[in-house]
Protein backbone atom coordinates (compact mmCIF):
# COMPACT_ATOMS: atom_id res chain seq x y z
CA MET A 1 -2.01 -32.75 -7.30
CA GLY A 2 -4.78 -30.96 -9.17
CA ALA A 3 -7.35 -32.12 -6.61
CA VAL A 4 -5.15 -30.97 -3.72
CA LEU A 5 -4.64 -27.53 -5.21
CA SER A 6 -8.31 -27.19 -6.01
CA THR A 7 -9.25 -27.99 -2.40
CA VAL A 8 -6.63 -25.60 -1.05
CA ALA A 9 -7.81 -22.77 -3.36
CA THR A 10 -11.42 -23.30 -2.29
CA THR A 11 -10.47 -23.35 1.38
CA SER A 12 -8.40 -20.16 1.11
CA ALA A 13 -11.21 -18.36 -0.75
CA GLU A 14 -13.72 -19.40 1.92
CA ALA A 15 -11.36 -18.26 4.69
CA LYS A 16 -10.91 -14.92 2.98
CA SER A 17 -14.63 -14.29 2.53
CA ALA A 18 -15.31 -15.36 6.13
CA ILE A 19 -12.73 -13.15 7.77
CA ALA A 20 -12.54 -10.06 5.57
CA PRO A 21 -15.76 -8.29 6.66
CA GLU A 22 -14.90 -8.77 10.34
CA GLN A 23 -11.16 -8.18 10.12
CA ASN A 24 -11.07 -5.19 12.43
CA LYS A 25 -13.72 -5.73 15.07
CA ALA A 26 -12.06 -6.18 18.44
CA ARG A 27 -12.91 -9.65 19.70
CA GLU A 28 -13.37 -10.44 23.35
CA ASP A 29 -10.85 -13.27 23.20
CA LEU A 30 -8.01 -10.91 22.14
CA ASN A 31 -5.90 -8.93 24.57
CA TYR A 32 -4.78 -6.52 21.82
CA ASN A 33 -6.36 -4.09 19.40
CA PRO A 34 -6.41 -5.84 15.99
CA VAL A 35 -4.64 -4.18 13.09
CA ARG A 36 -6.69 -2.98 10.13
CA THR A 37 -5.18 -3.60 6.68
CA PRO A 38 -6.81 -1.08 4.28
CA ASN A 39 -7.97 -2.89 1.11
CA GLY A 40 -6.79 -6.11 2.74
CA TRP A 41 -7.60 -8.58 5.46
CA THR A 42 -6.27 -10.56 8.40
CA LEU A 43 -5.47 -14.27 8.27
CA PRO A 44 -7.47 -16.38 10.76
CA TYR A 45 -5.75 -19.11 12.74
CA LYS A 46 -6.71 -22.34 14.53
CA GLU A 47 -5.53 -23.09 18.06
CA LYS A 48 -4.01 -26.58 18.14
CA ASN A 49 -2.50 -27.82 21.42
CA GLY A 50 -1.35 -24.37 22.38
CA VAL A 51 0.01 -23.51 18.92
CA LYS A 52 -1.57 -20.86 16.65
CA GLU A 53 -1.73 -22.46 13.20
CA PHE A 54 -1.99 -20.29 10.10
CA HIS A 55 -2.21 -21.46 6.49
CA LEU A 56 -0.80 -19.50 3.51
CA VAL A 57 -1.30 -20.51 -0.12
CA ALA A 58 1.07 -19.09 -2.74
CA GLU A 59 -0.90 -18.77 -5.99
CA GLU A 60 -1.56 -16.79 -9.13
CA ILE A 61 -4.38 -14.31 -8.75
CA GLU A 62 -6.37 -11.74 -10.69
CA HIS A 63 -5.72 -8.37 -9.08
CA GLU A 64 -7.26 -4.96 -9.66
CA PHE A 65 -4.98 -1.97 -8.88
CA ALA A 66 -7.90 0.40 -9.48
CA PRO A 67 -10.95 0.26 -11.76
CA GLY A 68 -9.56 0.06 -15.31
CA SER A 69 -6.34 -1.81 -14.51
CA THR A 70 -6.38 -5.56 -13.76
CA ALA A 71 -3.41 -7.88 -13.90
CA LYS A 72 -2.30 -11.45 -13.42
CA CYS A 73 -0.27 -11.25 -10.22
CA TRP A 74 1.03 -13.68 -7.63
CA GLY A 75 0.02 -13.52 -3.99
CA TYR A 76 -1.25 -15.50 -1.03
CA ASN A 77 -4.74 -16.83 -0.33
CA GLY A 78 -6.24 -14.93 -3.24
CA THR A 79 -4.77 -11.48 -2.64
CA THR A 80 -1.76 -9.25 -2.92
CA PRO A 81 -0.49 -8.36 -0.48
CA GLY A 82 -1.18 -11.62 1.29
CA PRO A 83 -3.30 -11.51 4.42
CA THR A 84 -1.81 -9.85 7.50
CA ILE A 85 -0.61 -12.32 10.13
CA GLU A 86 -1.21 -11.20 13.74
CA ALA A 87 0.01 -12.89 16.90
CA VAL A 88 1.37 -11.97 20.35
CA GLU A 89 4.91 -11.96 21.73
CA GLY A 90 5.54 -15.35 23.34
CA ASP A 91 3.10 -17.25 21.11
CA ARG A 92 4.18 -20.40 19.36
CA VAL A 93 3.05 -20.30 15.75
CA ARG A 94 2.86 -22.85 13.02
CA ILE A 95 2.52 -21.51 9.47
CA LEU A 96 1.62 -23.97 6.74
CA VAL A 97 2.67 -22.84 3.29
CA THR A 98 1.12 -24.56 0.27
CA ASN A 99 2.66 -23.87 -3.11
CA ALA A 100 -0.02 -23.58 -5.82
CA LEU A 101 2.39 -21.90 -8.24
CA LYS A 102 4.07 -23.65 -11.18
CA GLU A 103 7.54 -22.98 -9.83
CA HIS A 104 9.13 -23.56 -6.41
CA THR A 105 8.96 -20.97 -3.62
CA THR A 106 9.73 -20.38 0.07
CA VAL A 107 8.68 -17.82 2.70
CA HIS A 108 11.13 -15.64 4.62
CA TRP A 109 9.86 -14.08 7.86
CA HIS A 110 11.47 -10.66 7.48
CA GLY A 111 12.89 -9.30 10.74
CA LEU A 112 11.86 -12.22 12.94
CA ILE A 113 14.26 -13.86 15.40
CA LEU A 114 13.92 -17.60 14.83
CA PRO A 115 15.90 -20.81 14.20
CA SER A 116 18.05 -20.82 11.05
CA GLY A 117 16.08 -23.69 9.56
CA MET A 118 12.85 -21.64 9.72
CA ASP A 119 14.30 -18.55 8.03
CA GLY A 120 12.98 -19.47 4.58
CA VAL A 121 15.98 -18.92 2.31
CA GLY A 122 15.69 -21.56 -0.40
CA GLY A 123 18.81 -23.69 -0.84
CA LEU A 124 20.47 -22.18 2.24
CA SER A 125 18.19 -22.87 5.20
CA GLN A 126 15.63 -25.20 3.62
CA PRO A 127 14.77 -27.11 0.44
CA GLN A 128 12.56 -25.23 -2.01
CA ILE A 129 8.82 -25.82 -1.70
CA ALA A 130 7.97 -27.54 -4.99
CA PRO A 131 4.65 -27.02 -6.79
CA GLY A 132 1.90 -28.89 -4.92
CA GLU A 133 3.91 -29.26 -1.71
CA THR A 134 3.04 -27.89 1.74
CA PHE A 135 5.78 -26.98 4.22
CA ALA A 136 5.34 -26.20 7.90
CA TYR A 137 7.23 -23.40 9.64
CA GLU A 138 7.02 -23.51 13.47
CA PHE A 139 8.73 -21.23 15.98
CA ASN A 140 8.23 -19.12 19.11
CA LEU A 141 7.73 -15.36 18.77
CA LYS A 142 10.51 -13.82 20.80
CA GLN A 143 9.83 -10.16 20.02
CA ASN A 144 7.11 -7.68 19.10
CA GLY A 145 6.85 -5.12 16.34
CA THR A 146 5.95 -4.58 12.68
CA HIS A 147 7.40 -7.25 10.39
CA MET A 148 6.83 -8.63 6.90
CA TYR A 149 6.97 -11.88 4.94
CA HIS A 150 7.99 -12.61 1.36
CA PRO A 151 9.66 -15.33 -0.76
CA HIS A 152 13.40 -15.99 -0.77
CA ALA A 153 13.20 -18.05 -3.96
CA ASP A 154 13.23 -16.46 -7.44
CA GLU A 155 12.79 -13.40 -5.31
CA MET A 156 13.03 -10.81 -8.12
CA THR A 157 10.13 -12.38 -10.00
CA GLN A 158 7.93 -13.46 -7.15
CA MET A 159 8.11 -10.15 -5.25
CA ALA A 160 7.67 -8.17 -8.50
CA PHE A 161 4.47 -10.15 -9.05
CA GLY A 162 3.16 -9.22 -5.57
CA MET A 163 4.13 -11.99 -3.15
CA MET A 164 4.48 -10.25 0.23
CA GLY A 165 2.53 -9.49 3.39
CA MET A 166 2.70 -7.99 6.88
CA PHE A 167 3.45 -9.91 10.09
CA ILE A 168 2.38 -8.01 13.19
CA ILE A 169 3.52 -9.21 16.64
CA HIS A 170 1.73 -7.49 19.48
CA PRO A 171 3.49 -7.04 22.86
CA LYS A 172 2.33 -9.01 25.91
CA GLU A 173 1.13 -5.81 27.53
CA PRO A 174 -1.47 -3.87 25.47
CA GLU A 175 -0.43 -0.49 24.09
CA PRO A 176 -2.49 2.74 24.33
CA ILE A 177 -3.51 2.74 20.67
CA ASP A 178 -7.12 3.39 19.60
CA ARG A 179 -6.75 2.55 15.88
CA ASP A 180 -3.99 0.49 14.36
CA TYR A 181 -3.37 0.35 10.58
CA CYS A 182 -0.74 -1.27 8.38
CA LEU A 183 0.30 -0.32 4.84
CA LEU A 184 2.75 -2.21 2.62
CA THR A 185 4.39 -0.17 -0.13
CA HIS A 186 5.31 -1.66 -3.47
CA ASN A 187 6.11 -0.78 -7.08
CA TRP A 188 4.93 -2.33 -10.30
CA ALA A 189 6.02 -2.22 -13.94
CA MET A 190 2.70 -2.49 -15.79
CA HIS A 191 3.53 -1.46 -19.31
CA PRO A 192 0.62 0.19 -21.20
CA GLY A 193 -1.74 -2.39 -22.68
CA THR A 194 -0.23 -5.36 -20.85
CA SER A 195 -1.77 -7.62 -18.20
CA ARG A 196 1.22 -8.87 -16.22
CA PRO A 197 3.84 -6.97 -14.19
CA ASP A 198 7.33 -6.95 -15.70
CA PRO A 199 9.83 -8.35 -13.15
CA SER A 200 12.91 -7.27 -15.16
CA VAL A 201 12.41 -3.53 -14.57
CA MET A 202 14.83 -2.01 -12.05
CA SER A 203 13.88 1.67 -11.93
CA ASP A 204 11.20 2.76 -14.43
CA PHE A 205 8.14 1.63 -12.52
CA ASP A 206 4.77 3.10 -13.36
CA LEU A 207 2.49 2.08 -10.52
CA TRP A 208 3.24 2.80 -6.84
CA SER A 209 0.90 1.25 -4.33
CA PHE A 210 -0.29 1.09 -0.75
CA ASN A 211 -1.40 -2.52 -0.12
CA SER A 212 -1.29 -3.14 -3.87
CA LYS A 213 -3.87 -0.44 -4.60
CA VAL A 214 -3.33 2.93 -6.26
CA PHE A 215 -5.27 6.12 -5.69
CA PRO A 216 -8.18 6.64 -6.04
CA ALA A 217 -8.81 2.96 -5.14
CA THR A 218 -6.89 3.20 -1.85
CA GLU A 219 -9.12 2.82 1.21
CA SER A 220 -9.09 5.83 3.54
CA ILE A 221 -7.66 5.71 7.07
CA VAL A 222 -10.59 6.65 9.33
CA ALA A 223 -10.45 7.90 12.94
CA ARG A 224 -12.44 9.82 15.54
CA THR A 225 -11.23 13.19 16.72
CA GLY A 226 -8.83 12.80 19.65
CA GLU A 227 -8.03 9.13 19.06
CA ARG A 228 -4.45 7.95 19.08
CA VAL A 229 -3.75 6.39 15.67
CA ARG A 230 -0.83 4.21 14.66
CA ILE A 231 0.06 3.55 11.01
CA ARG A 232 2.65 0.81 10.42
CA VAL A 233 4.39 1.26 7.07
CA GLY A 234 6.44 -1.53 5.52
CA ASN A 235 8.56 -1.21 2.36
CA LEU A 236 9.22 -4.17 0.05
CA SER A 237 9.49 -2.03 -3.09
CA MET A 238 12.64 -1.09 -4.99
CA TRP A 239 12.73 2.52 -3.77
CA HIS A 240 12.78 4.39 -0.49
CA HIS A 241 9.64 6.34 0.39
CA PRO A 242 9.48 9.62 2.35
CA ILE A 243 6.04 9.12 3.87
CA HIS A 244 4.29 12.42 4.62
CA LEU A 245 1.14 13.21 6.61
CA HIS A 246 -0.69 16.53 6.21
CA GLY A 247 -2.25 18.51 9.03
CA THR A 248 -0.25 17.31 11.99
CA SER A 249 3.14 16.01 13.04
CA PHE A 250 3.54 12.41 14.11
CA THR A 251 5.83 10.52 16.46
CA ILE A 252 7.98 7.70 15.17
CA THR A 253 7.71 5.02 17.84
CA GLY A 254 8.98 1.76 16.36
CA SER A 255 10.25 -0.39 13.49
CA ASP A 256 10.86 -4.01 12.62
CA GLY A 257 13.07 -4.00 15.71
CA GLY A 258 9.99 -3.42 17.87
CA ARG A 259 8.62 -0.47 19.81
CA TRP A 260 11.37 1.98 20.63
CA PRO A 261 12.05 3.32 24.13
CA GLN A 262 10.28 6.66 24.52
CA SER A 263 13.63 8.43 24.74
CA ALA A 264 14.24 7.46 21.08
CA TRP A 265 10.91 8.76 19.80
CA ARG A 266 11.06 11.78 17.55
CA SER A 267 8.53 14.12 16.00
CA GLU A 268 8.32 14.47 12.21
CA SER A 269 5.83 15.13 9.45
CA THR A 270 7.82 13.10 6.89
CA GLU A 271 9.71 9.87 7.55
CA ILE A 272 11.80 7.92 5.03
CA VAL A 273 10.98 4.22 5.02
CA GLY A 274 13.89 2.50 3.32
CA VAL A 275 13.76 -0.67 1.23
CA GLY A 276 13.26 -3.62 3.57
CA GLN A 277 12.36 -1.41 6.54
CA THR A 278 9.22 -0.77 8.56
CA ARG A 279 8.27 2.29 10.60
CA ASP A 280 5.51 2.89 13.12
CA ILE A 281 4.10 6.41 13.26
CA GLU A 282 1.59 7.63 15.86
CA PHE A 283 -0.49 10.79 16.10
CA VAL A 284 -3.59 12.21 17.73
CA ALA A 285 -6.35 12.57 15.14
CA THR A 286 -7.59 16.09 14.30
CA PRO A 287 -10.74 16.66 12.21
CA GLY A 288 -10.44 16.97 8.47
CA ASP A 289 -9.48 15.14 5.29
CA TRP A 290 -5.70 14.87 5.29
CA ALA A 291 -3.45 13.64 2.51
CA PHE A 292 -1.09 10.78 3.38
CA HIS A 293 1.41 9.88 0.69
CA CYS A 294 4.93 9.25 -0.46
CA HIS A 295 6.61 12.62 -1.10
CA MET A 296 8.53 11.46 -4.19
CA SER A 297 6.23 13.17 -6.71
CA HIS A 298 6.42 10.44 -9.36
CA HIS A 299 5.26 7.95 -6.72
CA THR A 300 1.89 9.75 -6.51
CA MET A 301 1.28 9.33 -10.22
CA ASN A 302 0.05 6.34 -12.17
CA VAL A 303 1.32 5.16 -15.55
CA MET A 304 3.72 7.67 -17.08
CA GLY A 305 5.56 7.74 -20.42
CA HIS A 306 9.30 7.80 -19.91
CA ASN A 307 11.93 9.05 -22.37
CA ILE A 308 9.44 11.42 -24.05
CA PRO A 309 10.65 14.94 -24.76
CA ASN A 310 9.17 17.62 -22.50
CA PRO A 311 6.92 19.90 -24.63
CA THR A 312 6.03 22.34 -21.83
CA GLY A 313 5.95 25.78 -23.41
CA VAL A 314 5.70 24.32 -26.92
CA ASN A 315 2.56 24.72 -29.05
CA MET A 316 1.47 21.15 -29.72
CA ARG A 317 -1.87 21.97 -31.33
CA GLY A 318 -2.39 19.76 -34.35
CA LEU A 319 0.82 17.82 -33.88
CA ASP A 320 -0.51 15.32 -31.30
CA GLY A 321 -3.42 14.52 -33.66
CA LYS A 322 -1.03 13.71 -36.48
CA ILE A 323 1.02 11.49 -34.17
CA ARG A 324 -2.16 9.65 -33.14
CA ASP A 325 -2.73 8.78 -36.80
CA HIS A 326 0.23 6.43 -36.34
CA LEU A 327 0.08 5.86 -32.55
CA PRO A 328 -3.62 5.97 -31.59
CA GLU A 329 -2.90 5.89 -27.84
CA PHE A 330 -0.43 8.79 -27.87
CA MET A 331 -1.08 11.74 -25.57
CA ALA A 332 1.47 14.52 -25.30
CA MET A 333 2.54 16.12 -22.07
CA GLY A 334 0.78 19.45 -21.63
CA GLU A 335 1.84 22.67 -23.27
CA ASN A 336 1.22 24.58 -20.04
CA GLY A 337 1.71 21.73 -17.53
CA MET A 338 0.33 18.24 -17.01
CA ALA A 339 -2.95 19.02 -15.23
CA GLU A 340 -4.79 18.89 -18.53
CA HIS A 341 -4.27 15.11 -18.67
CA GLN A 342 -6.95 14.49 -16.04
CA GLN A 343 -9.22 17.07 -17.67
CA HIS A 344 -9.05 15.30 -21.02
CA ILE A 345 -9.60 11.85 -19.52
CA ASP A 346 -12.46 12.98 -17.23
CA ALA A 347 -14.13 14.59 -20.23
CA GLY A 348 -13.82 11.36 -22.24
CA ARG A 349 -11.64 12.95 -24.94
CA HIS A 350 -8.77 10.52 -24.46
CA SER A 351 -9.02 7.03 -22.98
CA GLY A 352 -5.39 5.89 -23.06
CA PRO A 353 -4.11 2.35 -23.78
CA ALA A 354 -6.12 -0.69 -22.77
CA ASN A 355 -5.78 -1.85 -19.15
CA THR A 356 -3.82 1.26 -18.23
CA LEU A 357 -4.74 3.85 -15.62
CA PRO A 358 -4.56 7.59 -16.23
CA MET A 359 -1.47 9.27 -14.81
CA MET A 360 -3.49 11.32 -12.32
CA SER A 361 -7.06 10.85 -11.23
CA GLY A 362 -9.53 11.15 -8.37
CA ASN A 363 -11.93 13.97 -7.63
CA GLY A 364 -12.61 15.73 -4.36
CA PRO A 365 -15.31 18.14 -3.22
CA TYR A 366 -13.58 21.07 -4.93
CA GLY A 367 -12.45 19.44 -8.19
CA PRO A 368 -9.70 17.08 -9.47
CA ILE A 369 -7.23 15.90 -6.80
CA GLU A 370 -4.67 15.13 -9.54
CA MET A 371 -2.99 12.29 -7.72
CA GLY A 372 -2.47 8.57 -8.17
CA GLY A 373 -0.22 5.84 -6.92
CA MET A 374 1.00 5.89 -3.32
CA PHE A 375 -1.59 8.34 -2.03
CA THR A 376 -4.51 7.95 0.36
CA LEU A 377 -6.54 10.00 2.83
CA VAL A 378 -6.75 10.18 6.62
CA LYS A 379 -10.36 11.06 7.42
CA VAL A 380 -11.07 12.25 10.96
CA ARG A 381 -14.49 13.15 12.30
CA ASP A 382 -15.94 14.05 15.70
CA ASP A 383 -18.81 11.54 15.53
CA ILE A 384 -17.20 8.23 14.46
CA THR A 385 -17.87 5.33 16.80
CA PRO A 386 -14.94 3.22 18.10
CA ASN A 387 -15.29 0.26 15.74
CA ASP A 388 -16.58 2.14 12.72
CA PHE A 389 -14.16 2.11 9.78
CA SER A 390 -16.63 3.09 7.06
CA ASP A 391 -15.80 6.04 4.85
CA PRO A 392 -17.51 9.15 6.28
CA GLY A 393 -17.60 11.04 2.95
CA TRP A 394 -16.00 14.43 2.39
CA TYR A 395 -15.17 16.79 5.23
CA HIS A 396 -17.16 20.01 5.42
CA PRO A 397 -14.95 22.57 7.20
CA PRO A 398 -16.32 25.75 8.75
CA THR A 399 -16.66 28.38 6.01
CA ALA A 400 -14.23 30.77 7.64
CA THR A 401 -11.47 28.13 7.51
CA ILE A 402 -11.53 27.48 3.75
CA ALA A 403 -8.98 29.13 1.47
CA LYS A 404 -10.94 31.33 -0.96
CA ARG A 405 -10.47 33.44 -4.11
CA VAL A 406 -9.90 37.14 -3.46
CA SER A 407 -9.27 38.20 -7.06
CA SER A 408 -9.31 36.95 -10.67
CA ASN A 409 -6.97 39.68 -11.86
CA PRO A 410 -3.46 38.35 -12.67
CA ASN A 411 -2.08 41.79 -11.83
CA TYR A 412 -3.71 41.87 -8.40
CA GLY A 413 -1.83 43.51 -5.56
CA ASP A 414 1.76 44.62 -5.44
CA PRO A 415 3.88 41.52 -4.72
CA PRO A 416 7.58 42.23 -4.03
CA ARG A 417 10.26 41.04 -6.44
CA LYS A 418 13.91 40.54 -5.86
CA PRO A 419 15.61 43.91 -6.43
CA THR A 420 17.69 44.13 -9.61
CA ALA A 421 21.36 44.89 -9.29
CA SER A 422 22.09 48.57 -9.74
């Protein structure tokens, strides 16, 4: 068994390193535009007698959420989320699943129409996949759309540890999309100073991620001005996420039920993606650096202390130092707000607990961005070539279009106030 798992681990690592750098270059043998998985990769397949054969390996991995926070997680083929599976409506696929964990598992193909015995619910539709075993799932793809995969065995633990991935089924007829991205949202309970997620937490999560990365480690979404961009968002976390894009409105065009008829499309700038759902949003790229994030404000923060009294407006000078005599890692919420957290950390005055990220971080061309978690950037430029996904750096807008200071006097101008009752 040890030899089998060692061989499988080596094979999966080699496959990952071979495919990751080329994951998004359109290949001549494809009749679709491949999906890009920011911070992730696409699983290669082998054609065997007309069947596309993929191979997933469930295993424990070392995962970095962002520099400064690394954890023992579970995933597939060396990563969380697992590699994105891509195929075409009408394909017959065979997915081998090898279990390199120390407990049993299964894989459920979330949203797919398939035979009951391929649905992946342990004990109900199949026996559990024991450690060291490999199971084969084989079925025809009867639909298209944005789907997901995850265990249906010890689900609370295995999903909390990061076992999930995206399953994209392209339609038979190509769609008019220039750039296609997929993001999988998740939440993690990484208690300060620990190195494994806590699967027993139900609501007090402290890391919120896109493709298991938190800002500022999230890879930007890059496009050329005028291109039509699709972002597929899947949610396998424990919360709903109102996903918001700055700078433009987008059209919601599909879900795990497939691409919607155009009569059902609607224009939004924020769309709630519920637990277990996927949504496809499309927009025409306009130049700039645009924020793209969950609009639940705690979901764009990293590790936070819960159940701590709010000292805003309270003079804490001297008190936090005395508390640190007993709790060296203590840092109070700010007297005048929480922005000072990033200032203290950036200046090196407070490091926080081991293996724990600051609550807000990341710096832009004008100073601290003060974000974390489920936050990334859409970067659009006029001069990006079709298959270039490299980060173009910061946007330099025309001077006349930048908000600027007009006064440093707090009593500037004559702003109206609500009239007092006479």
